[in-house]
């Protein structure tokens, strides 16, 4: 049985998979196939738990590949906390917020003020969770997990999938703040942004 963790990102998916590493009868991974294309993007072994927030843009392919056979987990975090965390990801080298804003909403991020950035983060949060909720209506094996009640909800998840391993050690993983967002530019971002600007200019000219 395959298990897919669907979420917005910035909702504890990395910690969730760290906790799943303590499960003996399932393998687990975080964004394992994120860089693959075509059918390879959806090749997961049986008895595997996968967390990848970008899977919500591939729900049609997941449906075609696996139909109703997997367990689907809707992992959620408090809305305001998720938005606040997403708002710190605009200048990451690989940013879902930049992709959503510029690619889907056709709005260059350079034109956004602080208020508008928060509005777009909220729009992303609302649409992603709506996509998940609608998708899961037709699924017979799904479970909601909230980050704010993770100790209780992960126990329910553990029992739901028949996990074997060390549950107490798994729960300890949620006490560590993994994959923490950094606000604004870090020391590597500015050189990267300059390089990216000239690379785009070069490709446009030649």
C-alpha atoms as a PDB file:
ATOM      1  CA  UNK A   1       0.000   0.000   0.000  1.00  0.00           C
ATOM      2  CA  UNK A   2       1.267   3.455  -0.958  1.00  0.00           C
ATOM      3  CA  UNK A   3       0.632   6.501   1.196  1.00  0.00           C
ATOM      4  CA  UNK A   4       0.712  10.070  -0.097  1.00  0.00           C
ATOM      5  CA  UNK A   5       0.943  13.136   2.141  1.00  0.00           C
ATOM      6  CA  UNK A   6      -0.799  16.064   0.445  1.00  0.00           C
ATOM      7  CA  UNK A   7      -0.233  19.555   1.790  1.00  0.00           C
ATOM      8  CA  UNK A   8       0.564  23.189   1.001  1.00  0.00           C
ATOM      9  CA  UNK A   9       4.157  22.946   2.152  1.00  0.00           C
ATOM     10  CA  UNK A  10       5.419  24.775   5.254  1.00  0.00           C
ATOM     11  CA  UNK A  11       3.086  22.478   7.185  1.00  0.00           C
ATOM     12  CA  UNK A  12       5.434  19.972   8.808  1.00  0.00           C
ATOM     13  CA  UNK A  13       5.808  17.486   5.952  1.00  0.00           C
ATOM     14  CA  UNK A  14       9.570  17.172   6.448  1.00  0.00           C
ATOM     15  CA  UNK A  15       9.147  16.392  10.144  1.00  0.00           C
ATOM     16  CA  UNK A  16       6.332  14.010   9.237  1.00  0.00           C
ATOM     17  CA  UNK A  17       8.677  11.975   7.062  1.00  0.00           C
ATOM     18  CA  UNK A  18      11.409  12.084   9.722  1.00  0.00           C
ATOM     19  CA  UNK A  19       8.852  10.537  12.060  1.00  0.00           C
ATOM     20  CA  UNK A  20       7.945   7.941   9.432  1.00  0.00           C
ATOM     21  CA  UNK A  21      11.577   6.794   9.344  1.00  0.00           C
ATOM     22  CA  UNK A  22      10.786   5.032  12.614  1.00  0.00           C
ATOM     23  CA  UNK A  23       8.224   2.847  10.845  1.00  0.00           C
ATOM     24  CA  UNK A  24       9.675  -0.555  10.001  1.00  0.00           C
ATOM     25  CA  UNK A  25       7.079  -1.870   7.566  1.00  0.00           C
ATOM     26  CA  UNK A  26       7.061   1.169   5.245  1.00  0.00           C
ATOM     27  CA  UNK A  27       9.776   3.090   3.421  1.00  0.00           C
ATOM     28  CA  UNK A  28       9.367   6.866   3.329  1.00  0.00           C
ATOM     29  CA  UNK A  29      10.633   9.892   1.442  1.00  0.00           C
ATOM     30  CA  UNK A  30      10.295  13.647   1.094  1.00  0.00           C
ATOM     31  CA  UNK A  31      10.019  14.990  -2.469  1.00  0.00           C
ATOM     32  CA  UNK A  32      11.669  11.789  -3.711  1.00  0.00           C
ATOM     33  CA  UNK A  33      10.672  12.152  -7.367  1.00  0.00           C
ATOM     34  CA  UNK A  34      10.185  15.924  -7.485  1.00  0.00           C
ATOM     35  CA  UNK A  35      12.777  16.469 -10.247  1.00  0.00           C
ATOM     36  CA  UNK A  36      11.622  13.594 -12.454  1.00  0.00           C
ATOM     37  CA  UNK A  37       9.243  13.956 -15.384  1.00  0.00           C
ATOM     38  CA  UNK A  38       6.781  11.699 -17.136  1.00  0.00           C
ATOM     39  CA  UNK A  39       5.875   8.361 -15.606  1.00  0.00           C
ATOM     40  CA  UNK A  40       9.043   8.363 -13.478  1.00  0.00           C
ATOM     41  CA  UNK A  41       7.538  11.139 -11.375  1.00  0.00           C
ATOM     42  CA  UNK A  42       4.933   8.689 -10.061  1.00  0.00           C
ATOM     43  CA  UNK A  43       6.989   5.547  -9.579  1.00  0.00           C
ATOM     44  CA  UNK A  44       6.833   4.736  -5.881  1.00  0.00           C
ATOM     45  CA  UNK A  45       7.429   1.303  -4.468  1.00  0.00           C
ATOM     46  CA  UNK A  46       4.715  -0.519  -2.598  1.00  0.00           C
ATOM     47  CA  UNK A  47       4.580   0.081   1.153  1.00  0.00           C
ATOM     48  CA  UNK A  48       6.022   3.566   0.736  1.00  0.00           C
ATOM     49  CA  UNK A  49       5.043   6.874   2.357  1.00  0.00           C
ATOM     50  CA  UNK A  50       5.708   9.971   0.229  1.00  0.00           C
ATOM     51  CA  UNK A  51       5.356  13.627   1.198  1.00  0.00           C
ATOM     52  CA  UNK A  52       5.599  16.202  -1.581  1.00  0.00           C
ATOM     53  CA  UNK A  53       3.547  19.392  -1.564  1.00  0.00           C
ATOM     54  CA  UNK A  54       3.845  19.637  -5.350  1.00  0.00           C
ATOM     55  CA  UNK A  55       1.873  16.434  -5.828  1.00  0.00           C
ATOM     56  CA  UNK A  56      -1.285  18.538  -5.590  1.00  0.00           C
ATOM     57  CA  UNK A  57      -0.557  19.771  -9.127  1.00  0.00           C
ATOM     58  CA  UNK A  58      -0.432  16.158 -10.362  1.00  0.00           C
ATOM     59  CA  UNK A  59      -3.637  14.779  -8.882  1.00  0.00           C
ATOM     60  CA  UNK A  60      -4.924  13.702 -12.271  1.00  0.00           C
ATOM     61  CA  UNK A  61      -1.805  11.634 -12.895  1.00  0.00           C
ATOM     62  CA  UNK A  62      -1.975  10.152  -9.393  1.00  0.00           C
ATOM     63  CA  UNK A  63      -5.592   9.185 -10.026  1.00  0.00           C
ATOM     64  CA  UNK A  64      -4.720   7.552 -13.344  1.00  0.00           C
ATOM     65  CA  UNK A  65      -1.744   5.688 -11.875  1.00  0.00           C
ATOM     66  CA  UNK A  66      -3.114   4.500  -8.535  1.00  0.00           C
ATOM     67  CA  UNK A  67      -6.882   5.262  -8.487  1.00  0.00           C
ATOM     68  CA  UNK A  68      -8.340   4.514  -5.057  1.00  0.00           C
ATOM     69  CA  UNK A  69      -5.636   2.123  -3.855  1.00  0.00           C
ATOM     70  CA  UNK A  70      -3.410   4.511  -1.801  1.00  0.00           C
ATOM     71  CA  UNK A  71      -3.987   6.045   1.588  1.00  0.00           C
ATOM     72  CA  UNK A  72      -4.088   9.828   1.298  1.00  0.00           C
ATOM     73  CA  UNK A  73      -3.170  12.110   4.195  1.00  0.00           C
ATOM     74  CA  UNK A  74      -4.279  15.742   4.202  1.00  0.00           C
ATOM     75  CA  UNK A  75      -1.637  17.448   6.330  1.00  0.00           C
ATOM     76  CA  UNK A  76      -2.685  20.917   7.496  1.00  0.00           C
ATOM     77  CA  UNK A  77      -1.202  23.682   9.588  1.00  0.00           C
ATOM     78  CA  UNK A  78      -2.850  26.744  11.104  1.00  0.00           C
ATOM     79  CA  UNK A  79      -3.662  29.114   8.249  1.00  0.00           C
ATOM     80  CA  UNK A  80      -1.974  32.250   9.582  1.00  0.00           C
ATOM     81  CA  UNK A  81       1.189  30.350  10.546  1.00  0.00           C
ATOM     82  CA  UNK A  82       1.385  28.691   7.134  1.00  0.00           C
ATOM     83  CA  UNK A  83       0.926  32.009   5.338  1.00  0.00           C
ATOM     84  CA  UNK A  84       3.590  33.624   7.496  1.00  0.00           C
ATOM     85  CA  UNK A  85       6.015  30.812   6.662  1.00  0.00           C
ATOM     86  CA  UNK A  86       5.177  30.833   2.937  1.00  0.00           C
ATOM     87  CA  UNK A  87       5.772  34.582   2.883  1.00  0.00           C
ATOM     88  CA  UNK A  88       9.402  33.945   3.816  1.00  0.00           C
ATOM     89  CA  UNK A  89       9.971  31.775   0.729  1.00  0.00           C
ATOM     90  CA  UNK A  90       9.814  34.381  -2.037  1.00  0.00           C
ATOM     91  CA  UNK A  91      13.579  34.521  -2.466  1.00  0.00           C
ATOM     92  CA  UNK A  92      14.406  30.822  -2.148  1.00  0.00           C
ATOM     93  CA  UNK A  93      16.261  29.437  -5.158  1.00  0.00           C
ATOM     94  CA  UNK A  94      13.357  27.083  -5.788  1.00  0.00           C
ATOM     95  CA  UNK A  95      10.189  28.826  -4.616  1.00  0.00           C
ATOM     96  CA  UNK A  96       6.643  27.533  -4.951  1.00  0.00           C
ATOM     97  CA  UNK A  97       5.396  31.041  -4.200  1.00  0.00           C
ATOM     98  CA  UNK A  98       7.309  32.574  -7.097  1.00  0.00           C
ATOM     99  CA  UNK A  99       6.065  29.803  -9.370  1.00  0.00           C
ATOM    100  CA  UNK A 100       2.460  30.282  -8.243  1.00  0.00           C
ATOM    101  CA  UNK A 101       2.601  34.065  -8.475  1.00  0.00           C
ATOM    102  CA  UNK A 102       4.485  34.505 -11.735  1.00  0.00           C
ATOM    103  CA  UNK A 103       3.547  31.269 -13.488  1.00  0.00           C
ATOM    104  CA  UNK A 104      -0.107  30.806 -12.520  1.00  0.00           C
ATOM    105  CA  UNK A 105      -1.271  34.292 -11.523  1.00  0.00           C
ATOM    106  CA  UNK A 106       0.899  35.945 -14.215  1.00  0.00           C
ATOM    107  CA  UNK A 107       2.131  38.553 -11.748  1.00  0.00           C
ATOM    108  CA  UNK A 108       5.863  39.414 -11.553  1.00  0.00           C
ATOM    109  CA  UNK A 109       6.900  39.354  -7.912  1.00  0.00           C
ATOM    110  CA  UNK A 110       8.799  42.625  -8.370  1.00  0.00           C
ATOM    111  CA  UNK A 111       5.420  44.379  -8.599  1.00  0.00           C
ATOM    112  CA  UNK A 112       4.168  43.140  -5.233  1.00  0.00           C
ATOM    113  CA  UNK A 113       4.071  45.153  -2.039  1.00  0.00           C
ATOM    114  CA  UNK A 114       4.043  43.438   1.372  1.00  0.00           C
ATOM    115  CA  UNK A 115       0.252  43.383   1.592  1.00  0.00           C
ATOM    116  CA  UNK A 116      -0.144  41.841  -1.849  1.00  0.00           C
ATOM    117  CA  UNK A 117       2.426  39.137  -1.089  1.00  0.00           C
ATOM    118  CA  UNK A 118       0.428  38.059   1.942  1.00  0.00           C
ATOM    119  CA  UNK A 119      -2.766  38.042  -0.119  1.00  0.00           C
ATOM    120  CA  UNK A 120      -1.165  35.768  -2.713  1.00  0.00           C
ATOM    121  CA  UNK A 121       0.156  33.445   0.002  1.00  0.00           C
ATOM    122  CA  UNK A 122      -3.394  33.208   1.363  1.00  0.00           C
ATOM    123  CA  UNK A 123      -4.770  32.563  -2.132  1.00  0.00           C
ATOM    124  CA  UNK A 124      -2.240  29.761  -2.595  1.00  0.00           C
ATOM    125  CA  UNK A 125      -3.135  28.264   0.799  1.00  0.00           C
ATOM    126  CA  UNK A 126      -6.871  28.358   0.044  1.00  0.00           C
ATOM    127  CA  UNK A 127      -6.591  26.872  -3.444  1.00  0.00           C
ATOM    128  CA  UNK A 128      -4.204  24.078  -2.503  1.00  0.00           C
ATOM    129  CA  UNK A 129      -6.344  22.941   0.409  1.00  0.00           C
ATOM    130  CA  UNK A 130      -9.488  23.157  -1.726  1.00  0.00           C
ATOM    131  CA  UNK A 131      -7.841  21.009  -4.415  1.00  0.00           C
ATOM    132  CA  UNK A 132      -6.963  18.412  -1.790  1.00  0.00           C
ATOM    133  CA  UNK A 133     -10.417  18.435  -0.197  1.00  0.00           C
ATOM    134  CA  UNK A 134     -12.206  17.971  -3.521  1.00  0.00           C
ATOM    135  CA  UNK A 135      -9.796  15.232  -4.629  1.00  0.00           C
ATOM    136  CA  UNK A 136     -10.235  13.306  -1.396  1.00  0.00           C
ATOM    137  CA  UNK A 137     -14.037  13.284  -1.630  1.00  0.00           C
ATOM    138  CA  UNK A 138     -13.811  10.316  -3.974  1.00  0.00           C
ATOM    139  CA  UNK A 139     -11.181   8.439  -1.951  1.00  0.00           C
ATOM    140  CA  UNK A 140     -12.108   5.655   0.444  1.00  0.00           C
ATOM    141  CA  UNK A 141      -8.889   5.744   2.493  1.00  0.00           C
ATOM    142  CA  UNK A 142      -7.997   9.225   3.686  1.00  0.00           C
ATOM    143  CA  UNK A 143      -7.150  10.868   6.984  1.00  0.00           C
ATOM    144  CA  UNK A 144      -6.742  14.440   8.196  1.00  0.00           C
ATOM    145  CA  UNK A 145      -3.639  15.322  10.212  1.00  0.00           C
ATOM    146  CA  UNK A 146      -3.219  18.745  11.808  1.00  0.00           C
ATOM    147  CA  UNK A 147       0.186  20.019  12.821  1.00  0.00           C
ATOM    148  CA  UNK A 148      -1.257  21.701  15.917  1.00  0.00           C
ATOM    149  CA  UNK A 149      -2.485  18.334  17.222  1.00  0.00           C
ATOM    150  CA  UNK A 150       0.282  16.249  15.689  1.00  0.00           C
ATOM    151  CA  UNK A 151       0.999  14.098  18.736  1.00  0.00           C
ATOM    152  CA  UNK A 152      -2.562  12.800  18.777  1.00  0.00           C
ATOM    153  CA  UNK A 153      -3.098  12.806  15.013  1.00  0.00           C
ATOM    154  CA  UNK A 154       0.136  10.978  14.192  1.00  0.00           C
ATOM    155  CA  UNK A 155      -0.875   8.218  16.582  1.00  0.00           C
ATOM    156  CA  UNK A 156      -4.157   7.924  14.661  1.00  0.00           C
ATOM    157  CA  UNK A 157      -2.217   7.833  11.380  1.00  0.00           C
ATOM    158  CA  UNK A 158       0.113   5.174  12.795  1.00  0.00           C
ATOM    159  CA  UNK A 159      -2.827   2.939  13.674  1.00  0.00           C
ATOM    160  CA  UNK A 160      -4.685   3.750  10.447  1.00  0.00           C
ATOM    161  CA  UNK A 161      -1.884   2.351   8.277  1.00  0.00           C
ATOM    162  CA  UNK A 162      -0.962  -0.501  10.623  1.00  0.00           C
ATOM    163  CA  UNK A 163       2.530   0.861  11.220  1.00  0.00           C
ATOM    164  CA  UNK A 164       5.097  -1.178  13.144  1.00  0.00           C
ATOM    165  CA  UNK A 165       8.115   0.376  14.793  1.00  0.00           C
ATOM    166  CA  UNK A 166       8.958   2.819  17.565  1.00  0.00           C
ATOM    167  CA  UNK A 167       6.052   5.246  17.881  1.00  0.00           C
ATOM    168  CA  UNK A 168       7.491   7.163  20.821  1.00  0.00           C
ATOM    169  CA  UNK A 169      10.725   7.911  18.953  1.00  0.00           C
ATOM    170  CA  UNK A 170       8.661   8.940  15.953  1.00  0.00           C
ATOM    171  CA  UNK A 171       6.718  11.462  18.019  1.00  0.00           C
ATOM    172  CA  UNK A 172       9.939  12.996  19.333  1.00  0.00           C
ATOM    173  CA  UNK A 173      10.794  14.079  15.775  1.00  0.00           C
ATOM    174  CA  UNK A 174       8.049  16.705  15.943  1.00  0.00           C
ATOM    175  CA  UNK A 175       9.878  18.448  18.774  1.00  0.00           C
ATOM    176  CA  UNK A 176      12.613  19.542  16.329  1.00  0.00           C
ATOM    177  CA  UNK A 177      12.010  22.523  14.046  1.00  0.00           C
ATOM    178  CA  UNK A 178      13.088  21.069  10.694  1.00  0.00           C
ATOM    179  CA  UNK A 179      13.407  22.970   7.411  1.00  0.00           C
ATOM    180  CA  UNK A 180      12.989  26.370   9.063  1.00  0.00           C
ATOM    181  CA  UNK A 181      12.273  29.325   6.777  1.00  0.00           C
ATOM    182  CA  UNK A 182      14.674  32.239   6.668  1.00  0.00           C
ATOM    183  CA  UNK A 183      13.265  35.701   6.180  1.00  0.00           C
ATOM    184  CA  UNK A 184      14.474  37.688   3.178  1.00  0.00           C
ATOM    185  CA  UNK A 185      17.852  37.144   1.539  1.00  0.00           C
ATOM    186  CA  UNK A 186      20.483  34.902   3.030  1.00  0.00           C
ATOM    187  CA  UNK A 187      24.133  35.264   2.064  1.00  0.00           C
ATOM    188  CA  UNK A 188      23.713  33.029  -1.000  1.00  0.00           C
ATOM    189  CA  UNK A 189      20.529  34.522  -2.406  1.00  0.00           C
ATOM    190  CA  UNK A 190      21.807  37.876  -3.677  1.00  0.00           C
ATOM    191  CA  UNK A 191      24.609  36.422  -5.869  1.00  0.00           C
ATOM    192  CA  UNK A 192      22.148  33.854  -7.159  1.00  0.00           C
ATOM    193  CA  UNK A 193      19.559  36.504  -8.054  1.00  0.00           C
ATOM    194  CA  UNK A 194      22.206  38.558  -9.903  1.00  0.00           C
ATOM    195  CA  UNK A 195      23.398  35.476 -11.793  1.00  0.00           C
ATOM    196  CA  UNK A 196      19.819  34.542 -12.648  1.00  0.00           C
ATOM    197  CA  UNK A 197      19.103  38.052 -13.946  1.00  0.00           C
ATOM    198  CA  UNK A 198      22.028  37.986 -16.376  1.00  0.00           C
ATOM    199  CA  UNK A 199      21.286  34.418 -17.436  1.00  0.00           C
ATOM    200  CA  UNK A 200      17.717  35.371 -18.336  1.00  0.00           C
ATOM    201  CA  UNK A 201      18.950  38.451 -20.159  1.00  0.00           C
ATOM    202  CA  UNK A 202      21.474  36.367 -22.131  1.00  0.00           C
ATOM    203  CA  UNK A 203      18.834  33.842 -23.177  1.00  0.00           C
ATOM    204  CA  UNK A 204      16.446  36.614 -24.184  1.00  0.00           C
ATOM    205  CA  UNK A 205      19.075  38.305 -26.367  1.00  0.00           C
ATOM    206  CA  UNK A 206      20.590  35.211 -27.925  1.00  0.00           C
END
